[in-house]
């Protein structure tokens, strides 16, 4: 069973549990932090990909 098999009922239950654990006031802060983390991760992976592309281009020009 993979992540894609989570249905709407399960998502609602997970959201309610998170709401009970962290409370309504903390939830926006958690979402903001999660979004920031995802953005930083995407930027880092893009930087690494760009670096690899530059290295490949340099290797191709040497040949």
PDB file of N, CA and C in Angstrom:
ATOM      1  N   UNK A   1       0.846  -1.178   0.000  1.00  0.00           N
ATOM      2  CA  UNK A   1       0.000   0.000   0.000  1.00  0.00           C
ATOM      3  C   UNK A   1       0.889   1.238   0.000  1.00  0.00           C
ATOM      4  N   UNK A   2       0.701   2.112  -0.967  1.00  0.00           N
ATOM      5  CA  UNK A   2       1.537   3.296  -1.079  1.00  0.00           C
ATOM      6  C   UNK A   2       0.833   4.542  -0.584  1.00  0.00           C
ATOM      7  N   UNK A   3       1.554   5.641  -0.669  1.00  0.00           N
ATOM      8  CA  UNK A   3       1.013   6.919  -0.207  1.00  0.00           C
ATOM      9  C   UNK A   3      -0.177   7.353  -1.044  1.00  0.00           C
ATOM     10  N   UNK A   4      -0.220   6.967  -2.304  1.00  0.00           N
ATOM     11  CA  UNK A   4      -1.298   7.352  -3.196  1.00  0.00           C
ATOM     12  C   UNK A   4      -2.626   6.715  -2.854  1.00  0.00           C
ATOM     13  N   UNK A   5      -2.611   5.717  -1.976  1.00  0.00           N
ATOM     14  CA  UNK A   5      -3.849   5.025  -1.646  1.00  0.00           C
ATOM     15  C   UNK A   5      -4.569   5.627  -0.438  1.00  0.00           C
ATOM     16  N   UNK A   6      -4.063   6.750   0.081  1.00  0.00           N
ATOM     17  CA  UNK A   6      -4.739   7.408   1.201  1.00  0.00           C
ATOM     18  C   UNK A   6      -5.965   8.136   0.658  1.00  0.00           C
ATOM     19  N   UNK A   7      -7.099   7.834   1.225  1.00  0.00           N
ATOM     20  CA  UNK A   7      -8.344   8.432   0.774  1.00  0.00           C
ATOM     21  C   UNK A   7      -8.694   9.682   1.559  1.00  0.00           C
ATOM     22  N   UNK A   8      -9.783  10.344   1.182  1.00  0.00           N
ATOM     23  CA  UNK A   8     -10.190  11.573   1.855  1.00  0.00           C
ATOM     24  C   UNK A   8     -10.545  11.352   3.330  1.00  0.00           C
ATOM     25  N   UNK A   9     -11.112  10.209   3.648  1.00  0.00           N
ATOM     26  CA  UNK A   9     -11.462   9.933   5.044  1.00  0.00           C
ATOM     27  C   UNK A   9     -10.209   9.860   5.909  1.00  0.00           C
ATOM     28  N   UNK A  10      -9.183   9.184   5.420  1.00  0.00           N
ATOM     29  CA  UNK A  10      -7.940   9.076   6.165  1.00  0.00           C
ATOM     30  C   UNK A  10      -7.283  10.438   6.334  1.00  0.00           C
ATOM     31  N   UNK A  11      -7.322  11.255   5.285  1.00  0.00           N
ATOM     32  CA  UNK A  11      -6.735  12.591   5.376  1.00  0.00           C
ATOM     33  C   UNK A  11      -7.450  13.437   6.430  1.00  0.00           C
ATOM     34  N   UNK A  12      -8.761  13.349   6.491  1.00  0.00           N
ATOM     35  CA  UNK A  12      -9.520  14.099   7.488  1.00  0.00           C
ATOM     36  C   UNK A  12      -9.157  13.636   8.896  1.00  0.00           C
ATOM     37  N   UNK A  13      -9.044  12.330   9.075  1.00  0.00           N
ATOM     38  CA  UNK A  13      -8.675  11.796  10.394  1.00  0.00           C
ATOM     39  C   UNK A  13      -7.279  12.275  10.790  1.00  0.00           C
ATOM     40  N   UNK A  14      -6.336  12.238   9.862  1.00  0.00           N
ATOM     41  CA  UNK A  14      -4.983  12.715  10.143  1.00  0.00           C
ATOM     42  C   UNK A  14      -5.002  14.190  10.495  1.00  0.00           C
ATOM     43  N   UNK A  15      -5.751  14.991   9.756  1.00  0.00           N
ATOM     44  CA  UNK A  15      -5.833  16.428  10.031  1.00  0.00           C
ATOM     45  C   UNK A  15      -6.418  16.693  11.420  1.00  0.00           C
ATOM     46  N   UNK A  16      -7.455  15.961  11.791  1.00  0.00           N
ATOM     47  CA  UNK A  16      -8.072  16.135  13.111  1.00  0.00           C
ATOM     48  C   UNK A  16      -7.083  15.765  14.217  1.00  0.00           C
ATOM     49  N   UNK A  17      -6.332  14.693  14.033  1.00  0.00           N
ATOM     50  CA  UNK A  17      -5.339  14.289  15.034  1.00  0.00           C
ATOM     51  C   UNK A  17      -4.263  15.360  15.180  1.00  0.00           C
ATOM     52  N   UNK A  18      -3.784  15.879  14.053  1.00  0.00           N
ATOM     53  CA  UNK A  18      -2.778  16.954  14.098  1.00  0.00           C
ATOM     54  C   UNK A  18      -3.348  18.181  14.791  1.00  0.00           C
ATOM     55  N   UNK A  19      -4.587  18.516  14.500  1.00  0.00           N
ATOM     56  CA  UNK A  19      -5.238  19.660  15.129  1.00  0.00           C
ATOM     57  C   UNK A  19      -5.343  19.459  16.635  1.00  0.00           C
ATOM     58  N   UNK A  20      -5.676  18.260  17.069  1.00  0.00           N
ATOM     59  CA  UNK A  20      -5.773  17.974  18.499  1.00  0.00           C
ATOM     60  C   UNK A  20      -4.406  18.031  19.185  1.00  0.00           C
ATOM     61  N   UNK A  21      -3.386  17.560  18.497  1.00  0.00           N
ATOM     62  CA  UNK A  21      -2.044  17.537  19.094  1.00  0.00           C
ATOM     63  C   UNK A  21      -1.459  18.945  19.195  1.00  0.00           C
ATOM     64  N   UNK A  22      -1.527  19.707  18.124  1.00  0.00           N
ATOM     65  CA  UNK A  22      -0.845  20.996  18.084  1.00  0.00           C
ATOM     66  C   UNK A  22      -1.746  22.183  18.395  1.00  0.00           C
ATOM     67  N   UNK A  23      -3.032  22.047  18.224  1.00  0.00           N
ATOM     68  CA  UNK A  23      -3.943  23.158  18.478  1.00  0.00           C
ATOM     69  C   UNK A  23      -4.082  24.062  17.266  1.00  0.00           C
ATOM     70  N   UNK A  24      -5.147  24.829  17.253  1.00  0.00           N
ATOM     71  CA  UNK A  24      -5.456  25.698  16.117  1.00  0.00           C
ATOM     72  C   UNK A  24      -4.494  26.854  15.946  1.00  0.00           C
ATOM     73  N   UNK A  25      -3.915  27.328  17.038  1.00  0.00           N
ATOM     74  CA  UNK A  25      -3.015  28.481  16.943  1.00  0.00           C
ATOM     75  C   UNK A  25      -1.651  28.098  16.379  1.00  0.00           C
ATOM     76  N   UNK A  26      -1.208  26.903  16.631  1.00  0.00           N
ATOM     77  CA  UNK A  26       0.107  26.462  16.164  1.00  0.00           C
ATOM     78  C   UNK A  26       0.100  25.987  14.717  1.00  0.00           C
ATOM     79  N   UNK A  27      -1.051  25.591  14.223  1.00  0.00           N
ATOM     80  CA  UNK A  27      -1.138  25.001  12.891  1.00  0.00           C
ATOM     81  C   UNK A  27      -0.626  25.910  11.773  1.00  0.00           C
ATOM     82  N   UNK A  28      -1.007  27.199  11.732  1.00  0.00           N
ATOM     83  CA  UNK A  28      -0.470  28.069  10.672  1.00  0.00           C
ATOM     84  C   UNK A  28       1.055  28.202  10.721  1.00  0.00           C
ATOM     85  N   UNK A  29       1.615  28.241  11.937  1.00  0.00           N
ATOM     86  CA  UNK A  29       3.069  28.329  12.066  1.00  0.00           C
ATOM     87  C   UNK A  29       3.737  27.067  11.525  1.00  0.00           C
ATOM     88  N   UNK A  30       3.140  25.913  11.829  1.00  0.00           N
ATOM     89  CA  UNK A  30       3.689  24.653  11.329  1.00  0.00           C
ATOM     90  C   UNK A  30       3.616  24.590   9.811  1.00  0.00           C
ATOM     91  N   UNK A  31       2.500  25.021   9.250  1.00  0.00           N
ATOM     92  CA  UNK A  31       2.342  24.999   7.791  1.00  0.00           C
ATOM     93  C   UNK A  31       3.345  25.945   7.127  1.00  0.00           C
ATOM     94  N   UNK A  32       3.547  27.109   7.735  1.00  0.00           N
ATOM     95  CA  UNK A  32       4.504  28.074   7.189  1.00  0.00           C
ATOM     96  C   UNK A  32       5.921  27.503   7.223  1.00  0.00           C
ATOM     97  N   UNK A  33       6.275  26.870   8.323  1.00  0.00           N
ATOM     98  CA  UNK A  33       7.596  26.259   8.434  1.00  0.00           C
ATOM     99  C   UNK A  33       7.783  25.119   7.448  1.00  0.00           C
ATOM    100  N   UNK A  34       6.747  24.323   7.264  1.00  0.00           N
ATOM    101  CA  UNK A  34       6.810  23.219   6.306  1.00  0.00           C
ATOM    102  C   UNK A  34       6.974  23.748   4.881  1.00  0.00           C
ATOM    103  N   UNK A  35       6.228  24.791   4.548  1.00  0.00           N
ATOM    104  CA  UNK A  35       6.344  25.392   3.221  1.00  0.00           C
ATOM    105  C   UNK A  35       7.730  25.953   2.974  1.00  0.00           C
ATOM    106  N   UNK A  36       8.280  26.596   3.988  1.00  0.00           N
ATOM    107  CA  UNK A  36       9.627  27.158   3.862  1.00  0.00           C
ATOM    108  C   UNK A  36      10.648  26.045   3.671  1.00  0.00           C
ATOM    109  N   UNK A  37      10.495  24.967   4.411  1.00  0.00           N
ATOM    110  CA  UNK A  37      11.408  23.837   4.278  1.00  0.00           C
ATOM    111  C   UNK A  37      11.342  23.210   2.893  1.00  0.00           C
ATOM    112  N   UNK A  38      10.139  23.074   2.364  1.00  0.00           N
ATOM    113  CA  UNK A  38       9.974  22.504   1.023  1.00  0.00           C
ATOM    114  C   UNK A  38      10.605  23.408  -0.028  1.00  0.00           C
ATOM    115  N   UNK A  39      10.405  24.727   0.106  1.00  0.00           N
ATOM    116  CA  UNK A  39      11.013  25.675  -0.838  1.00  0.00           C
ATOM    117  C   UNK A  39      12.534  25.576  -0.802  1.00  0.00           C
ATOM    118  N   UNK A  40      13.112  25.511   0.401  1.00  0.00           N
ATOM    119  CA  UNK A  40      14.564  25.418   0.529  1.00  0.00           C
ATOM    120  C   UNK A  40      15.078  24.114  -0.074  1.00  0.00           C
ATOM    121  N   UNK A  41      14.347  23.017   0.140  1.00  0.00           N
ATOM    122  CA  UNK A  41      14.742  21.732  -0.426  1.00  0.00           C
ATOM    123  C   UNK A  41      14.717  21.777  -1.952  1.00  0.00           C
ATOM    124  N   UNK A  42      13.657  22.350  -2.521  1.00  0.00           N
ATOM    125  CA  UNK A  42      13.561  22.449  -3.979  1.00  0.00           C
ATOM    126  C   UNK A  42      14.685  23.305  -4.545  1.00  0.00           C
ATOM    127  N   UNK A  43      15.007  24.407  -3.849  1.00  0.00           N
ATOM    128  CA  UNK A  43      16.087  25.286  -4.298  1.00  0.00           C
ATOM    129  C   UNK A  43      17.422  24.552  -4.258  1.00  0.00           C
ATOM    130  N   UNK A  44      17.656  23.807  -3.189  1.00  0.00           N
ATOM    131  CA  UNK A  44      18.911  23.066  -3.067  1.00  0.00           C
ATOM    132  C   UNK A  44      19.031  22.006  -4.154  1.00  0.00           C
ATOM    133  N   UNK A  45      17.949  21.289  -4.430  1.00  0.00           N
ATOM    134  CA  UNK A  45      18.015  20.271  -5.466  1.00  0.00           C
ATOM    135  C   UNK A  45      18.200  20.904  -6.849  1.00  0.00           C
ATOM    136  N   UNK A  46      17.602  22.063  -7.063  1.00  0.00           N
ATOM    137  CA  UNK A  46      17.785  22.764  -8.338  1.00  0.00           C
ATOM    138  C   UNK A  46      19.234  23.226  -8.482  1.00  0.00           C
ATOM    139  N   UNK A  47      19.819  23.738  -7.398  1.00  0.00           N
ATOM    140  CA  UNK A  47      21.218  24.169  -7.436  1.00  0.00           C
ATOM    141  C   UNK A  47      22.145  23.001  -7.759  1.00  0.00           C
ATOM    142  N   UNK A  48      21.897  21.862  -7.144  1.00  0.00           N
ATOM    143  CA  UNK A  48      22.719  20.682  -7.411  1.00  0.00           C
ATOM    144  C   UNK A  48      22.548  20.244  -8.863  1.00  0.00           C
ATOM    145  N   UNK A  49      21.316  20.243  -9.353  1.00  0.00           N
ATOM    146  CA  UNK A  49      21.068  19.855 -10.749  1.00  0.00           C
ATOM    147  C   UNK A  49      21.768  20.811 -11.712  1.00  0.00           C
ATOM    148  N   UNK A  50      21.699  22.114 -11.417  1.00  0.00           N
ATOM    149  CA  UNK A  50      22.378  23.099 -12.264  1.00  0.00           C
ATOM    150  C   UNK A  50      23.886  22.863 -12.266  1.00  0.00           C
ATOM    151  N   UNK A  51      24.424  22.557 -11.084  1.00  0.00           N
ATOM    152  CA  UNK A  51      25.853  22.285 -10.965  1.00  0.00           C
ATOM    153  C   UNK A  51      26.237  21.060 -11.803  1.00  0.00           C
ATOM    154  N   UNK A  52      25.435  20.016 -11.742  1.00  0.00           N
ATOM    155  CA  UNK A  52      25.712  18.817 -12.521  1.00  0.00           C
ATOM    156  C   UNK A  52      25.616  19.100 -14.014  1.00  0.00           C
ATOM    157  N   UNK A  53      24.647  19.923 -14.410  1.00  0.00           N
ATOM    158  CA  UNK A  53      24.506  20.282 -15.829  1.00  0.00           C
ATOM    159  C   UNK A  53      25.717  21.075 -16.309  1.00  0.00           C
ATOM    160  N   UNK A  54      26.208  21.991 -15.481  1.00  0.00           N
ATOM    161  CA  UNK A  54      27.382  22.795 -15.845  1.00  0.00           C
ATOM    162  C   UNK A  54      28.597  21.892 -15.993  1.00  0.00           C
ATOM    163  N   UNK A  55      28.768  20.946 -15.050  1.00  0.00           N
ATOM    164  CA  UNK A  55      29.891  20.013 -15.126  1.00  0.00           C
ATOM    165  C   UNK A  55      29.813  19.176 -16.391  1.00  0.00           C
ATOM    166  N   UNK A  56      28.609  18.738 -16.759  1.00  0.00           N
ATOM    167  CA  UNK A  56      28.444  17.922 -17.962  1.00  0.00           C
ATOM    168  C   UNK A  56      28.786  18.739 -19.214  1.00  0.00           C
ATOM    169  N   UNK A  57      28.359  19.985 -19.247  1.00  0.00           N
ATOM    170  CA  UNK A  57      28.659  20.840 -20.395  1.00  0.00           C
ATOM    171  C   UNK A  57      30.156  21.062 -20.513  1.00  0.00           C
ATOM    172  N   UNK A  58      30.835  21.292 -19.366  1.00  0.00           N
ATOM    173  CA  UNK A  58      32.270  21.484 -19.392  1.00  0.00           C
ATOM    174  C   UNK A  58      32.986  20.233 -19.878  1.00  0.00           C
ATOM    175  N   UNK A  59      32.513  19.058 -19.456  1.00  0.00           N
ATOM    176  CA  UNK A  59      33.115  17.805 -19.899  1.00  0.00           C
ATOM    177  C   UNK A  59      32.912  17.610 -21.396  1.00  0.00           C
ATOM    178  N   UNK A  60      31.741  17.979 -21.903  1.00  0.00           N
ATOM    179  CA  UNK A  60      31.463  17.827 -23.334  1.00  0.00           C
ATOM    180  C   UNK A  60      32.319  18.754 -24.166  1.00  0.00           C
ATOM    181  N   UNK A  61      32.601  19.959 -23.669  1.00  0.00           N
ATOM    182  CA  UNK A  61      33.412  20.902 -24.441  1.00  0.00           C
ATOM    183  C   UNK A  61      34.888  20.514 -24.460  1.00  0.00           C
ATOM    184  N   UNK A  62      35.343  19.748 -23.442  1.00  0.00           N
ATOM    185  CA  UNK A  62      36.735  19.295 -23.405  1.00  0.00           C
ATOM    186  C   UNK A  62      36.984  18.209 -24.435  1.00  0.00           C
ATOM    187  N   UNK A  63      35.976  17.455 -24.777  1.00  0.00           N
ATOM    188  CA  UNK A  63      36.142  16.328 -25.732  1.00  0.00           C
ATOM    189  C   UNK A  63      36.279  16.782 -27.137  1.00  0.00           C
TER     190      UNK A  63
END
